[in-house]
């Protein structure tokens, strides 16, 4: 479920067959974006499949409507014993996503992209959206562009920081920008049921193998 930028709060696959173009933050510098539509709230676990691939799966104990974690929501990952993770239980990672128009190629060359938000970028966008002086950055008529600045702060890959600078002038979307098709976030990023996710984990990971998970493992995948 997406939410308006003015209604969202800081957090306490696939019905779209287009090729997905995602935002890239590969180098230092300035990236000019225009937010469009709402934002989809989600947290994910990064887990390793039987083939050794790292995959994100939805954190089902994260309540998207409330933007907070809830012990009342069933979560297969939380049910597994620590031993199946080799002593390091995965923690859910921030994975909010939205549509943005990329304006780095100049006027007339704008294109739609799927933007995986960084936590610091998201928090800054919320501050501006809540400020009456700026308002909703995704408004079709009265929205505004934002420059996102990436800066290195040290030698390691994680030594970076992001700064959000809203453009001072509000401007309506151009005719070309209005014609760009948004990614349907609710169809593109489907939230599985508890049963669907548990079945997927059983079939695609080693979590239910061995003595550590024996008592939790159903006889067959169809029993889920």
N, C-alpha and C. Protein backbone atom coordinates (compact mmCIF):
# COMPACT_ATOMS: atom_id res chain seq x y z
N UNK A 1 0.84 -1.19 0.00
CA UNK A 1 0.00 0.00 0.00
C UNK A 1 0.88 1.24 0.00
N UNK A 2 0.67 2.14 -0.94
CA UNK A 2 1.43 3.38 -0.99
C UNK A 2 0.74 4.45 -0.17
N UNK A 3 1.52 5.43 0.26
CA UNK A 3 0.97 6.54 1.02
C UNK A 3 1.48 7.85 0.44
N UNK A 4 0.67 8.90 0.58
CA UNK A 4 1.09 10.22 0.15
C UNK A 4 2.30 10.67 0.95
N UNK A 5 3.14 11.48 0.35
CA UNK A 5 4.33 11.98 1.05
C UNK A 5 3.94 12.87 2.24
N UNK A 6 2.78 13.49 2.17
CA UNK A 6 2.36 14.35 3.28
C UNK A 6 1.69 13.56 4.39
N UNK A 7 1.31 12.30 4.12
CA UNK A 7 0.65 11.48 5.12
C UNK A 7 1.56 10.45 5.75
N UNK A 8 2.69 10.15 5.08
CA UNK A 8 3.58 9.11 5.57
C UNK A 8 4.35 9.58 6.80
N UNK A 9 4.86 8.65 7.57
CA UNK A 9 5.61 8.97 8.78
C UNK A 9 6.88 8.15 8.84
N UNK A 10 7.79 8.59 9.63
CA UNK A 10 9.02 7.82 9.82
C UNK A 10 8.68 6.49 10.46
N UNK A 11 9.38 5.44 10.14
CA UNK A 11 9.00 4.12 10.60
C UNK A 11 9.31 3.87 12.04
N UNK A 12 8.58 3.58 13.03
CA UNK A 12 8.86 3.12 14.39
C UNK A 12 9.34 1.76 14.01
N UNK A 13 5.95 -11.30 -7.60
CA UNK A 13 6.27 -10.25 -7.79
C UNK A 13 5.56 -9.85 -9.00
N UNK A 14 4.68 -9.92 -9.37
CA UNK A 14 4.98 -8.98 -10.41
C UNK A 14 3.83 -8.86 -11.42
N UNK A 15 3.16 -7.70 -11.37
CA UNK A 15 2.11 -7.47 -12.35
C UNK A 15 2.53 -6.43 -13.35
N UNK A 16 3.76 -6.02 -13.35
CA UNK A 16 4.30 -5.03 -14.26
C UNK A 16 5.45 -5.67 -15.00
N UNK A 17 5.24 -5.96 -16.28
CA UNK A 17 6.22 -6.72 -17.04
C UNK A 17 7.25 -5.87 -17.77
N UNK A 18 7.22 -4.58 -17.53
CA UNK A 18 8.24 -3.72 -18.15
C UNK A 18 9.61 -4.01 -17.57
N UNK A 19 10.62 -3.69 -18.34
CA UNK A 19 11.98 -3.73 -17.79
C UNK A 19 12.08 -2.66 -16.71
N UNK A 20 12.55 -3.05 -15.55
CA UNK A 20 12.62 -2.11 -14.43
C UNK A 20 13.90 -1.29 -14.50
N UNK A 21 13.74 0.03 -14.51
CA UNK A 21 14.87 0.94 -14.44
C UNK A 21 14.94 1.47 -13.01
N UNK A 22 16.03 1.19 -12.32
CA UNK A 22 16.15 1.58 -10.91
C UNK A 22 17.11 2.75 -10.77
N UNK A 23 16.88 3.55 -9.76
CA UNK A 23 17.80 4.63 -9.43
C UNK A 23 19.17 4.07 -9.07
N UNK A 24 20.20 4.73 -9.50
CA UNK A 24 21.56 4.31 -9.19
C UNK A 24 22.28 5.44 -8.47
N UNK A 25 23.03 5.05 -7.45
CA UNK A 25 23.80 6.02 -6.67
C UNK A 25 25.27 5.58 -6.72
N UNK A 26 25.78 5.33 -7.92
CA UNK A 26 27.10 4.71 -8.08
C UNK A 26 28.27 5.64 -7.78
N UNK A 27 28.09 6.91 -7.93
CA UNK A 27 29.24 7.81 -7.78
C UNK A 27 28.85 9.03 -6.96
N UNK A 28 29.87 9.74 -6.52
CA UNK A 28 29.62 10.99 -5.80
C UNK A 28 29.04 12.01 -6.76
N UNK A 29 28.31 12.97 -6.19
CA UNK A 29 27.78 14.03 -7.02
C UNK A 29 26.30 14.27 -6.78
N UNK A 30 25.71 15.03 -7.72
CA UNK A 30 24.32 15.47 -7.59
C UNK A 30 23.42 14.68 -8.53
N UNK A 31 22.26 14.27 -7.99
CA UNK A 31 21.24 13.57 -8.78
C UNK A 31 19.94 14.37 -8.67
N UNK A 32 19.38 14.76 -9.83
CA UNK A 32 18.14 15.53 -9.82
C UNK A 32 16.95 14.59 -10.02
N UNK A 33 15.99 14.64 -9.09
CA UNK A 33 14.84 13.75 -9.12
C UNK A 33 13.54 14.55 -8.95
N UNK A 34 12.47 13.98 -9.48
CA UNK A 34 11.13 14.50 -9.19
C UNK A 34 10.28 13.32 -8.73
N UNK A 35 9.81 13.37 -7.51
CA UNK A 35 8.98 12.31 -6.97
C UNK A 35 7.61 12.32 -7.64
N UNK A 36 7.07 11.13 -7.88
CA UNK A 36 5.76 11.00 -8.50
C UNK A 36 4.98 9.91 -7.75
N UNK A 37 3.70 10.16 -7.48
CA UNK A 37 2.90 9.16 -6.81
C UNK A 37 3.25 9.05 -5.32
N UNK A 38 2.95 7.88 -4.75
CA UNK A 38 3.17 7.68 -3.32
C UNK A 38 4.42 6.86 -3.04
N UNK A 39 4.57 6.48 -1.79
CA UNK A 39 5.72 5.70 -1.35
C UNK A 39 5.22 4.39 -0.75
N UNK A 40 5.90 3.30 -1.06
CA UNK A 40 5.51 2.00 -0.51
C UNK A 40 6.41 1.66 0.67
N UNK A 41 5.81 1.45 1.82
CA UNK A 41 6.55 1.15 3.04
C UNK A 41 6.85 -0.34 3.10
N UNK A 42 8.09 -0.69 3.34
CA UNK A 42 8.43 -2.10 3.49
C UNK A 42 9.79 -2.26 4.18
N UNK A 43 9.94 -3.37 4.87
CA UNK A 43 11.23 -3.82 5.38
C UNK A 43 11.45 -5.21 4.82
N UNK A 44 12.71 -5.58 4.59
CA UNK A 44 13.01 -6.90 4.04
C UNK A 44 14.12 -7.57 4.84
N UNK A 45 14.10 -8.91 4.81
CA UNK A 45 15.23 -9.69 5.28
C UNK A 45 16.06 -10.08 4.06
N UNK A 46 17.37 -10.05 4.18
CA UNK A 46 18.24 -10.57 3.14
C UNK A 46 18.68 -11.97 3.57
N UNK A 47 18.26 -12.97 2.79
CA UNK A 47 18.55 -14.36 3.15
C UNK A 47 19.28 -15.04 1.99
N UNK A 48 19.95 -16.16 2.29
CA UNK A 48 20.70 -16.90 1.28
C UNK A 48 19.91 -18.15 0.87
N UNK A 49 19.72 -18.33 -0.45
CA UNK A 49 18.98 -19.49 -0.96
C UNK A 49 19.88 -20.71 -1.03
N UNK A 50 19.30 -21.85 -1.40
CA UNK A 50 20.07 -23.08 -1.56
C UNK A 50 21.14 -22.93 -2.64
N UNK A 51 20.89 -22.03 -3.60
CA UNK A 51 21.86 -21.81 -4.68
C UNK A 51 22.94 -20.80 -4.29
N UNK A 52 22.87 -20.30 -3.07
CA UNK A 52 23.88 -19.35 -2.60
C UNK A 52 23.60 -17.91 -2.99
N UNK A 53 22.40 -17.62 -3.46
CA UNK A 53 22.05 -16.26 -3.85
C UNK A 53 21.44 -15.50 -2.67
N UNK A 54 21.82 -14.23 -2.58
CA UNK A 54 21.24 -13.37 -1.56
C UNK A 54 19.94 -12.79 -2.10
N UNK A 55 18.85 -13.00 -1.37
CA UNK A 55 17.54 -12.57 -1.83
C UNK A 55 16.82 -11.77 -0.75
N UNK A 56 16.10 -10.69 -1.15
CA UNK A 56 15.28 -9.98 -0.17
C UNK A 56 13.90 -10.59 -0.08
N UNK A 57 13.41 -10.81 1.12
CA UNK A 57 12.04 -11.26 1.32
C UNK A 57 11.36 -10.33 2.31
N UNK A 58 10.05 -10.18 2.14
CA UNK A 58 9.30 -9.25 2.98
C UNK A 58 9.38 -9.62 4.46
N UNK A 59 9.54 -8.61 5.28
CA UNK A 59 9.45 -8.80 6.73
C UNK A 59 7.98 -8.70 7.10
N UNK A 60 7.35 -9.83 7.38
CA UNK A 60 5.90 -9.87 7.62
C UNK A 60 5.51 -9.32 9.00
N UNK A 61 6.48 -9.12 9.88
CA UNK A 61 6.16 -8.53 11.18
C UNK A 61 6.18 -7.00 11.12
N UNK A 62 6.43 -6.45 9.92
CA UNK A 62 6.38 -5.00 9.74
C UNK A 62 4.98 -4.64 9.23
N UNK A 63 4.29 -3.81 9.98
CA UNK A 63 2.94 -3.37 9.63
C UNK A 63 3.05 -2.16 8.72
N UNK A 64 2.73 -2.33 7.43
CA UNK A 64 2.87 -1.25 6.47
C UNK A 64 1.94 -0.08 6.76
N UNK A 65 0.73 -0.38 7.22
CA UNK A 65 -0.23 0.68 7.49
C UNK A 65 0.21 1.57 8.64
N UNK A 66 0.80 0.95 9.66
CA UNK A 66 1.21 1.70 10.85
C UNK A 66 2.66 2.15 10.78
N UNK A 67 3.41 1.65 9.77
CA UNK A 67 4.84 1.97 9.63
C UNK A 67 5.61 1.62 10.90
N UNK A 68 5.30 0.45 11.45
CA UNK A 68 5.98 0.01 12.66
C UNK A 68 5.95 -1.52 12.72
N UNK A 69 6.78 -2.08 13.58
CA UNK A 69 6.83 -3.53 13.75
C UNK A 69 5.79 -3.95 14.78
N UNK A 70 5.23 -5.14 14.56
CA UNK A 70 4.19 -5.62 15.46
C UNK A 70 4.42 -7.09 15.79
N UNK A 71 4.43 -7.41 17.08
CA UNK A 71 4.57 -8.80 17.51
C UNK A 71 3.30 -9.60 17.22
N UNK A 72 2.22 -8.91 16.90
CA UNK A 72 0.96 -9.60 16.62
C UNK A 72 0.94 -10.20 15.22
N UNK A 73 1.85 -9.79 14.36
CA UNK A 73 1.91 -10.29 12.99
C UNK A 73 2.83 -11.50 12.92
N UNK A 74 2.36 -12.60 12.32
CA UNK A 74 3.15 -13.82 12.22
C UNK A 74 4.28 -13.63 11.21
N UNK A 75 5.48 -14.09 11.59
CA UNK A 75 6.67 -13.90 10.77
C UNK A 75 7.49 -15.18 10.79
N UNK A 76 7.58 -15.91 9.66
CA UNK A 76 8.31 -17.19 9.66
C UNK A 76 9.77 -17.06 10.06
N UNK A 77 10.42 -15.97 9.70
CA UNK A 77 11.83 -15.80 10.04
C UNK A 77 12.01 -15.70 11.56
N UNK A 78 11.12 -15.01 12.22
CA UNK A 78 11.23 -14.85 13.67
C UNK A 78 10.97 -16.16 14.41
N UNK A 79 10.27 -17.10 13.76
CA UNK A 79 9.96 -18.37 14.40
C UNK A 79 11.14 -19.34 14.38
N UNK A 80 12.06 -19.16 13.46
CA UNK A 80 13.18 -20.09 13.33
C UNK A 80 14.20 -19.91 14.45
N UNK A 81 14.82 -21.00 14.92
CA UNK A 81 15.83 -20.89 15.98
C UNK A 81 17.12 -20.24 15.48
N UNK A 82 17.87 -19.65 16.38
CA UNK A 82 19.10 -18.94 16.00
C UNK A 82 20.09 -19.84 15.26
N UNK A 83 20.11 -21.13 15.60
CA UNK A 83 21.12 -22.03 15.03
C UNK A 83 21.07 -22.11 13.50
N UNK A 84 19.87 -21.98 12.92
CA UNK A 84 19.78 -22.15 11.47
C UNK A 84 20.44 -20.99 10.72
N UNK A 85 20.72 -19.90 11.42
CA UNK A 85 21.36 -18.75 10.79
C UNK A 85 22.86 -18.70 11.08
N UNK A 86 23.39 -19.76 11.65
CA UNK A 86 24.81 -19.75 11.97
C UNK A 86 25.16 -18.80 13.08
N UNK A 87 24.21 -18.53 13.94
CA UNK A 87 24.48 -17.66 15.09
C UNK A 87 24.21 -16.20 14.85
N UNK A 88 23.93 -15.79 13.61
CA UNK A 88 23.67 -14.37 13.33
C UNK A 88 22.31 -14.24 12.66
N UNK A 89 21.32 -13.95 13.45
CA UNK A 89 19.95 -13.84 12.94
C UNK A 89 19.82 -12.61 12.05
N UNK A 90 19.20 -12.74 10.88
CA UNK A 90 19.05 -11.58 10.00
C UNK A 90 18.14 -10.53 10.61
N UNK A 91 18.49 -9.28 10.40
CA UNK A 91 17.68 -8.17 10.88
C UNK A 91 16.99 -7.51 9.69
N UNK A 92 15.74 -7.08 9.84
CA UNK A 92 15.06 -6.45 8.72
C UNK A 92 15.71 -5.13 8.32
N UNK A 93 15.78 -4.90 7.02
CA UNK A 93 16.42 -3.70 6.48
C UNK A 93 15.37 -2.77 5.86
N UNK A 94 15.59 -1.50 6.01
CA UNK A 94 14.74 -0.47 5.41
C UNK A 94 14.73 -0.63 3.90
N UNK A 95 13.53 -0.67 3.29
CA UNK A 95 13.44 -0.90 1.84
C UNK A 95 12.26 -0.16 1.23
N UNK A 96 12.03 1.07 1.67
CA UNK A 96 10.94 1.85 1.10
C UNK A 96 11.26 2.16 -0.37
N UNK A 97 10.21 2.26 -1.18
CA UNK A 97 10.41 2.44 -2.61
C UNK A 97 9.35 3.39 -3.17
N UNK A 98 9.72 4.13 -4.23
CA UNK A 98 8.78 5.06 -4.84
C UNK A 98 9.14 5.24 -6.32
N UNK A 99 8.30 5.97 -7.04
CA UNK A 99 8.59 6.35 -8.42
C UNK A 99 9.26 7.72 -8.44
N UNK A 100 10.27 7.86 -9.27
CA UNK A 100 10.87 9.17 -9.48
C UNK A 100 11.12 9.39 -10.97
N UNK A 101 11.07 10.64 -11.38
CA UNK A 101 11.46 11.01 -12.74
C UNK A 101 12.91 11.44 -12.69
N UNK A 102 13.73 10.81 -13.52
CA UNK A 102 15.14 11.14 -13.60
C UNK A 102 15.32 12.30 -14.58
N UNK A 103 15.90 13.37 -14.11
CA UNK A 103 16.08 14.57 -14.93
C UNK A 103 17.54 14.84 -15.27
N UNK A 104 18.39 13.86 -14.99
CA UNK A 104 19.83 14.09 -15.19
C UNK A 104 20.22 14.20 -16.67
N UNK A 105 19.36 13.69 -17.58
CA UNK A 105 19.69 13.70 -19.00
C UNK A 105 19.23 14.96 -19.71
N UNK A 106 18.61 15.88 -18.99
CA UNK A 106 18.18 17.13 -19.60
C UNK A 106 16.73 17.13 -20.04
N UNK A 107 16.22 18.33 -20.34
CA UNK A 107 14.81 18.49 -20.69
C UNK A 107 14.45 17.71 -21.95
N UNK A 108 13.34 17.00 -21.89
CA UNK A 108 12.88 16.18 -23.01
C UNK A 108 13.38 14.76 -22.97
N UNK A 109 14.37 14.48 -22.10
CA UNK A 109 14.94 13.14 -21.98
C UNK A 109 14.64 12.50 -20.63
N UNK A 110 13.67 13.04 -19.92
CA UNK A 110 13.33 12.51 -18.61
C UNK A 110 12.75 11.09 -18.76
N UNK A 111 12.96 10.27 -17.76
CA UNK A 111 12.39 8.93 -17.78
C UNK A 111 12.02 8.51 -16.36
N UNK A 112 11.08 7.56 -16.30
CA UNK A 112 10.61 7.06 -15.00
C UNK A 112 11.55 5.98 -14.48
N UNK A 113 11.76 5.98 -13.18
CA UNK A 113 12.60 4.96 -12.57
C UNK A 113 12.02 4.56 -11.23
N UNK A 114 12.38 3.37 -10.82
CA UNK A 114 12.00 2.86 -9.50
C UNK A 114 13.11 3.24 -8.53
N UNK A 115 12.76 3.94 -7.49
CA UNK A 115 13.77 4.46 -6.57
C UNK A 115 13.72 3.71 -5.24
N UNK A 116 14.79 2.96 -4.94
CA UNK A 116 14.95 2.31 -3.64
C UNK A 116 15.55 3.33 -2.71
N UNK A 117 14.76 3.83 -1.79
CA UNK A 117 15.16 4.96 -0.97
C UNK A 117 16.17 4.58 0.10
N UNK A 118 17.14 5.43 0.30
CA UNK A 118 18.02 5.33 1.46
C UNK A 118 17.27 5.93 2.65
N UNK A 119 17.55 5.41 3.84
CA UNK A 119 16.83 5.87 5.03
C UNK A 119 17.02 7.37 5.26
N UNK A 120 18.25 7.86 5.10
CA UNK A 120 18.50 9.29 5.34
C UNK A 120 17.80 10.16 4.30
N UNK A 121 17.72 9.68 3.05
CA UNK A 121 17.02 10.42 2.01
C UNK A 121 15.53 10.49 2.34
N UNK A 122 14.97 9.35 2.72
CA UNK A 122 13.55 9.30 3.06
C UNK A 122 13.23 10.26 4.20
N UNK A 123 14.01 10.22 5.26
CA UNK A 123 13.74 11.08 6.41
C UNK A 123 13.77 12.56 6.03
N UNK A 124 14.71 12.95 5.16
CA UNK A 124 14.79 14.34 4.72
C UNK A 124 13.59 14.72 3.87
N UNK A 125 13.16 13.82 2.99
CA UNK A 125 12.00 14.09 2.14
C UNK A 125 10.74 14.30 2.99
N UNK A 126 10.60 13.49 4.05
CA UNK A 126 9.46 13.63 4.94
C UNK A 126 9.48 15.00 5.63
N UNK A 127 10.65 15.44 6.06
CA UNK A 127 10.76 16.75 6.71
C UNK A 127 10.29 17.86 5.77
N UNK A 128 10.70 17.80 4.52
CA UNK A 128 10.28 18.83 3.56
C UNK A 128 8.79 18.71 3.24
N UNK A 129 8.29 17.49 3.11
CA UNK A 129 6.88 17.30 2.79
C UNK A 129 5.97 17.83 3.89
N UNK A 130 6.42 17.73 5.15
CA UNK A 130 5.64 18.20 6.29
C UNK A 130 5.77 19.71 6.50
N UNK A 131 6.73 20.32 5.86
CA UNK A 131 6.97 21.76 6.00
C UNK A 131 6.03 22.52 5.05
N UNK A 132 5.14 23.38 5.57
CA UNK A 132 4.21 24.11 4.71
C UNK A 132 4.89 24.96 3.64
N UNK A 133 6.12 25.36 3.90
CA UNK A 133 6.84 26.17 2.91
C UNK A 133 7.15 25.38 1.64
N UNK A 134 7.29 24.04 1.80
CA UNK A 134 7.60 23.20 0.65
C UNK A 134 6.39 22.35 0.23
N UNK A 135 5.81 21.61 1.15
CA UNK A 135 4.66 20.77 0.84
C UNK A 135 5.04 19.49 0.12
N UNK A 136 4.05 18.86 -0.47
CA UNK A 136 4.22 17.57 -1.12
C UNK A 136 5.12 17.67 -2.36
N UNK A 137 6.29 17.04 -2.35
CA UNK A 137 7.19 17.13 -3.50
C UNK A 137 6.66 16.41 -4.72
N UNK A 138 5.67 15.50 -4.55
CA UNK A 138 5.15 14.72 -5.66
C UNK A 138 3.88 15.31 -6.27
N UNK A 139 3.44 16.48 -5.80
CA UNK A 139 2.25 17.09 -6.34
C UNK A 139 2.46 17.42 -7.83
N UNK A 140 1.47 17.06 -8.67
CA UNK A 140 1.62 17.24 -10.11
C UNK A 140 1.77 18.70 -10.50
N UNK A 141 1.01 19.58 -9.84
CA UNK A 141 1.02 21.00 -10.19
C UNK A 141 1.99 21.82 -9.35
N UNK A 142 2.05 21.51 -8.05
CA UNK A 142 2.82 22.37 -7.13
C UNK A 142 3.99 21.66 -6.47
N UNK A 143 4.42 20.55 -7.07
CA UNK A 143 5.58 19.85 -6.54
C UNK A 143 6.88 20.54 -6.94
N UNK A 144 7.98 19.91 -6.57
CA UNK A 144 9.28 20.52 -6.84
C UNK A 144 10.34 19.43 -7.00
N UNK A 145 11.38 19.76 -7.73
CA UNK A 145 12.49 18.83 -7.90
C UNK A 145 13.34 18.80 -6.64
N UNK A 146 14.05 17.71 -6.46
CA UNK A 146 15.02 17.63 -5.36
C UNK A 146 16.37 17.20 -5.92
N UNK A 147 17.40 17.81 -5.41
CA UNK A 147 18.76 17.37 -5.71
C UNK A 147 19.24 16.51 -4.55
N UNK A 148 19.71 15.32 -4.88
CA UNK A 148 20.25 14.42 -3.86
C UNK A 148 21.75 14.36 -4.04
N UNK A 149 22.47 14.76 -3.03
CA UNK A 149 23.93 14.86 -3.10
C UNK A 149 24.55 13.67 -2.36
N UNK A 150 25.39 12.93 -3.06
CA UNK A 150 26.12 11.83 -2.43
C UNK A 150 27.56 12.27 -2.19
N UNK A 151 28.03 12.09 -0.95
CA UNK A 151 29.40 12.48 -0.58
C UNK A 151 30.10 11.34 0.13
N UNK A 152 31.36 11.12 -0.21
CA UNK A 152 32.18 10.14 0.50
C UNK A 152 32.68 10.75 1.80
N UNK A 153 32.66 9.93 2.86
CA UNK A 153 33.14 10.41 4.15
C UNK A 153 34.32 9.61 4.67
N UNK A 154 34.76 8.60 3.90
CA UNK A 154 35.87 7.77 4.31
C UNK A 154 36.22 6.77 3.24
N UNK A 155 37.19 5.88 3.48
CA UNK A 155 37.70 4.96 2.46
C UNK A 155 36.81 3.75 2.17
N UNK A 156 35.94 3.40 3.10
CA UNK A 156 35.12 2.20 2.93
C UNK A 156 33.86 2.50 2.11
N UNK A 157 33.31 1.47 1.42
CA UNK A 157 32.10 1.67 0.61
C UNK A 157 30.94 2.27 1.39
N UNK A 158 30.81 1.88 2.66
CA UNK A 158 29.70 2.38 3.47
C UNK A 158 29.94 3.78 4.01
N UNK A 159 31.12 4.32 3.79
CA UNK A 159 31.43 5.67 4.27
C UNK A 159 30.91 6.73 3.30
N UNK A 160 29.58 6.87 3.28
CA UNK A 160 28.94 7.87 2.42
C UNK A 160 27.80 8.53 3.19
N UNK A 161 27.44 9.72 2.76
CA UNK A 161 26.25 10.37 3.31
C UNK A 161 25.48 11.01 2.16
N UNK A 162 24.18 11.16 2.39
CA UNK A 162 23.30 11.72 1.37
C UNK A 162 22.63 12.98 1.93
N UNK A 163 22.60 14.01 1.12
CA UNK A 163 21.96 15.27 1.50
C UNK A 163 20.88 15.59 0.47
N UNK A 164 19.70 15.97 0.94
CA UNK A 164 18.59 16.31 0.06
C UNK A 164 18.42 17.83 0.04
N UNK A 165 18.45 18.40 -1.17
CA UNK A 165 18.26 19.84 -1.33
C UNK A 165 17.09 20.08 -2.28
N UNK A 166 15.96 20.58 -1.78
CA UNK A 166 14.84 20.87 -2.68
C UNK A 166 15.14 22.08 -3.56
N UNK A 167 14.70 22.01 -4.80
CA UNK A 167 14.83 23.16 -5.69
C UNK A 167 13.87 24.25 -5.21
N UNK A 168 14.29 25.51 -5.24
CA UNK A 168 13.46 26.58 -4.66
C UNK A 168 12.16 26.83 -5.40
N UNK A 169 12.12 26.59 -6.71
CA UNK A 169 10.92 26.92 -7.49
C UNK A 169 10.04 25.69 -7.67
N UNK A 170 8.75 25.85 -7.37
CA UNK A 170 7.80 24.78 -7.65
C UNK A 170 7.43 24.84 -9.13
N UNK A 171 7.17 23.67 -9.72
CA UNK A 171 6.81 23.67 -11.13
C UNK A 171 5.93 22.47 -11.44
N UNK A 172 4.94 22.65 -12.32
CA UNK A 172 4.09 21.53 -12.70
C UNK A 172 4.85 20.56 -13.60
N UNK A 173 4.41 19.32 -13.64
CA UNK A 173 5.02 18.37 -14.56
C UNK A 173 4.73 18.77 -16.00
N UNK A 174 5.70 18.56 -16.87
CA UNK A 174 5.52 18.85 -18.29
C UNK A 174 4.59 17.82 -18.92
N UNK A 175 4.16 18.09 -20.14
CA UNK A 175 3.29 17.14 -20.84
C UNK A 175 4.00 15.80 -21.03
N UNK A 176 5.30 15.87 -21.35
CA UNK A 176 6.07 14.64 -21.52
C UNK A 176 6.15 13.86 -20.21
N UNK A 177 6.39 14.55 -19.11
CA UNK A 177 6.51 13.89 -17.81
C UNK A 177 5.19 13.27 -17.36
N UNK A 178 4.09 13.92 -17.69
CA UNK A 178 2.77 13.38 -17.33
C UNK A 178 2.45 12.12 -18.13
N UNK A 179 3.10 11.96 -19.28
CA UNK A 179 2.83 10.79 -20.11
C UNK A 179 3.65 9.57 -19.68
N UNK A 180 4.62 9.77 -18.81
CA UNK A 180 5.45 8.65 -18.37
C UNK A 180 4.65 7.71 -17.47
N UNK A 181 4.79 6.41 -17.72
CA UNK A 181 4.03 5.42 -16.96
C UNK A 181 4.71 5.10 -15.64
N UNK A 182 3.95 5.22 -14.56
CA UNK A 182 4.48 4.87 -13.24
C UNK A 182 4.54 3.35 -13.08
N UNK A 183 5.46 2.90 -12.28
CA UNK A 183 5.47 1.49 -11.88
C UNK A 183 4.36 1.30 -10.84
N UNK A 184 3.58 0.25 -11.01
CA UNK A 184 2.54 -0.07 -10.04
C UNK A 184 3.20 -0.79 -8.87
N UNK A 185 3.48 -0.05 -7.81
CA UNK A 185 4.28 -0.59 -6.70
C UNK A 185 3.58 -1.73 -5.98
N UNK A 186 2.26 -1.66 -5.87
CA UNK A 186 1.54 -2.70 -5.14
C UNK A 186 1.50 -4.01 -5.92
N UNK A 187 1.55 -3.93 -7.25
CA UNK A 187 1.59 -5.15 -8.06
C UNK A 187 3.01 -5.65 -8.23
N UNK A 188 3.94 -4.71 -8.35
CA UNK A 188 5.33 -5.07 -8.59
C UNK A 188 5.97 -5.72 -7.37
N UNK A 189 5.61 -5.22 -6.20
CA UNK A 189 6.19 -5.71 -4.95
C UNK A 189 5.07 -6.31 -4.12
N UNK A 190 4.77 -7.56 -4.36
CA UNK A 190 3.66 -8.20 -3.68
C UNK A 190 4.09 -8.71 -2.30
N UNK A 191 3.23 -8.53 -1.34
CA UNK A 191 3.49 -9.02 0.02
C UNK A 191 2.86 -10.41 0.15
N UNK A 192 3.66 -11.43 0.39
CA UNK A 192 3.10 -12.78 0.49
C UNK A 192 2.35 -12.97 1.80
N UNK A 193 1.52 -13.99 1.84
CA UNK A 193 0.89 -14.38 3.10
C UNK A 193 1.92 -15.14 3.93
N UNK A 194 1.60 -15.34 5.19
CA UNK A 194 2.48 -16.12 6.07
C UNK A 194 2.70 -17.51 5.49
N UNK A 195 1.64 -18.16 5.03
CA UNK A 195 1.76 -19.51 4.48
C UNK A 195 2.60 -19.54 3.21
N UNK A 196 2.41 -18.54 2.34
CA UNK A 196 3.18 -18.48 1.09
C UNK A 196 4.66 -18.29 1.36
N UNK A 197 4.98 -17.42 2.31
CA UNK A 197 6.40 -17.18 2.60
C UNK A 197 7.05 -18.40 3.26
N UNK A 198 6.32 -19.06 4.16
CA UNK A 198 6.88 -20.23 4.83
C UNK A 198 7.14 -21.35 3.83
N UNK A 199 6.22 -21.52 2.89
CA UNK A 199 6.40 -22.53 1.84
C UNK A 199 7.61 -22.20 0.98
N UNK A 200 7.78 -20.94 0.63
CA UNK A 200 8.93 -20.52 -0.19
C UNK A 200 10.24 -20.78 0.56
N UNK A 201 10.28 -20.47 1.84
CA UNK A 201 11.48 -20.70 2.64
C UNK A 201 11.82 -22.18 2.70
N UNK A 202 10.80 -23.00 2.85
CA UNK A 202 11.01 -24.45 2.91
C UNK A 202 11.62 -24.97 1.61
N UNK A 203 11.12 -24.47 0.48
CA UNK A 203 11.54 -24.98 -0.81
C UNK A 203 12.85 -24.37 -1.31
N UNK A 204 13.21 -23.19 -0.83
CA UNK A 204 14.34 -22.46 -1.41
C UNK A 204 15.50 -22.20 -0.46
N UNK A 205 15.36 -22.58 0.81
CA UNK A 205 16.46 -22.38 1.74
C UNK A 205 16.73 -23.67 2.52
N UNK A 206 17.81 -23.65 3.29
CA UNK A 206 18.16 -24.80 4.14
C UNK A 206 17.67 -24.60 5.58
N UNK A 207 16.83 -23.60 5.81
CA UNK A 207 16.44 -23.25 7.16
C UNK A 207 15.72 -24.38 7.90
N UNK A 208 14.99 -25.22 7.18
CA UNK A 208 14.19 -26.25 7.83
C UNK A 208 14.86 -27.62 7.79
N UNK A 209 16.12 -27.65 7.42
CA UNK A 209 16.85 -28.92 7.34
C UNK A 209 17.64 -29.15 8.61
N UNK A 210 17.86 -30.40 8.96
CA UNK A 210 18.67 -30.73 10.13
C UNK A 210 17.86 -30.69 11.41
N UNK A 211 18.54 -31.00 12.50
CA UNK A 211 17.86 -31.12 13.78
C UNK A 211 17.31 -29.80 14.29
N UNK A 212 18.01 -28.69 13.95
CA UNK A 212 17.59 -27.40 14.49
C UNK A 212 16.18 -27.03 14.08
N UNK A 213 15.81 -27.38 12.84
CA UNK A 213 14.48 -27.01 12.38
C UNK A 213 13.56 -28.19 12.21
N UNK A 214 13.95 -29.37 12.68
CA UNK A 214 13.16 -30.58 12.42
C UNK A 214 11.76 -30.49 12.97
N UNK A 215 11.62 -29.99 14.20
CA UNK A 215 10.30 -29.99 14.81
C UNK A 215 9.37 -28.96 14.17
N UNK A 216 9.94 -28.02 13.41
CA UNK A 216 9.12 -27.00 12.78
C UNK A 216 8.79 -27.35 11.33
N UNK A 217 9.44 -28.38 10.79
CA UNK A 217 9.27 -28.68 9.40
C UNK A 217 8.04 -29.54 9.14
N UNK A 218 7.13 -29.09 8.24
CA UNK A 218 5.99 -29.92 7.89
C UNK A 218 6.43 -31.11 7.06
N UNK A 219 5.60 -32.12 6.96
CA UNK A 219 5.99 -33.32 6.23
C UNK A 219 6.23 -33.04 4.76
N UNK A 220 5.38 -32.20 4.17
CA UNK A 220 5.55 -31.81 2.77
C UNK A 220 5.22 -30.36 2.63
N UNK A 221 5.67 -29.75 1.52
CA UNK A 221 5.37 -28.36 1.27
C UNK A 221 3.86 -28.13 1.15
N UNK A 222 3.14 -29.16 0.68
CA UNK A 222 1.70 -29.02 0.50
C UNK A 222 0.94 -28.91 1.82
N UNK A 223 1.62 -29.28 2.91
CA UNK A 223 0.97 -29.21 4.22
C UNK A 223 0.89 -27.79 4.76
N UNK A 224 1.65 -26.88 4.11
CA UNK A 224 1.67 -25.51 4.61
C UNK A 224 0.34 -24.81 4.29
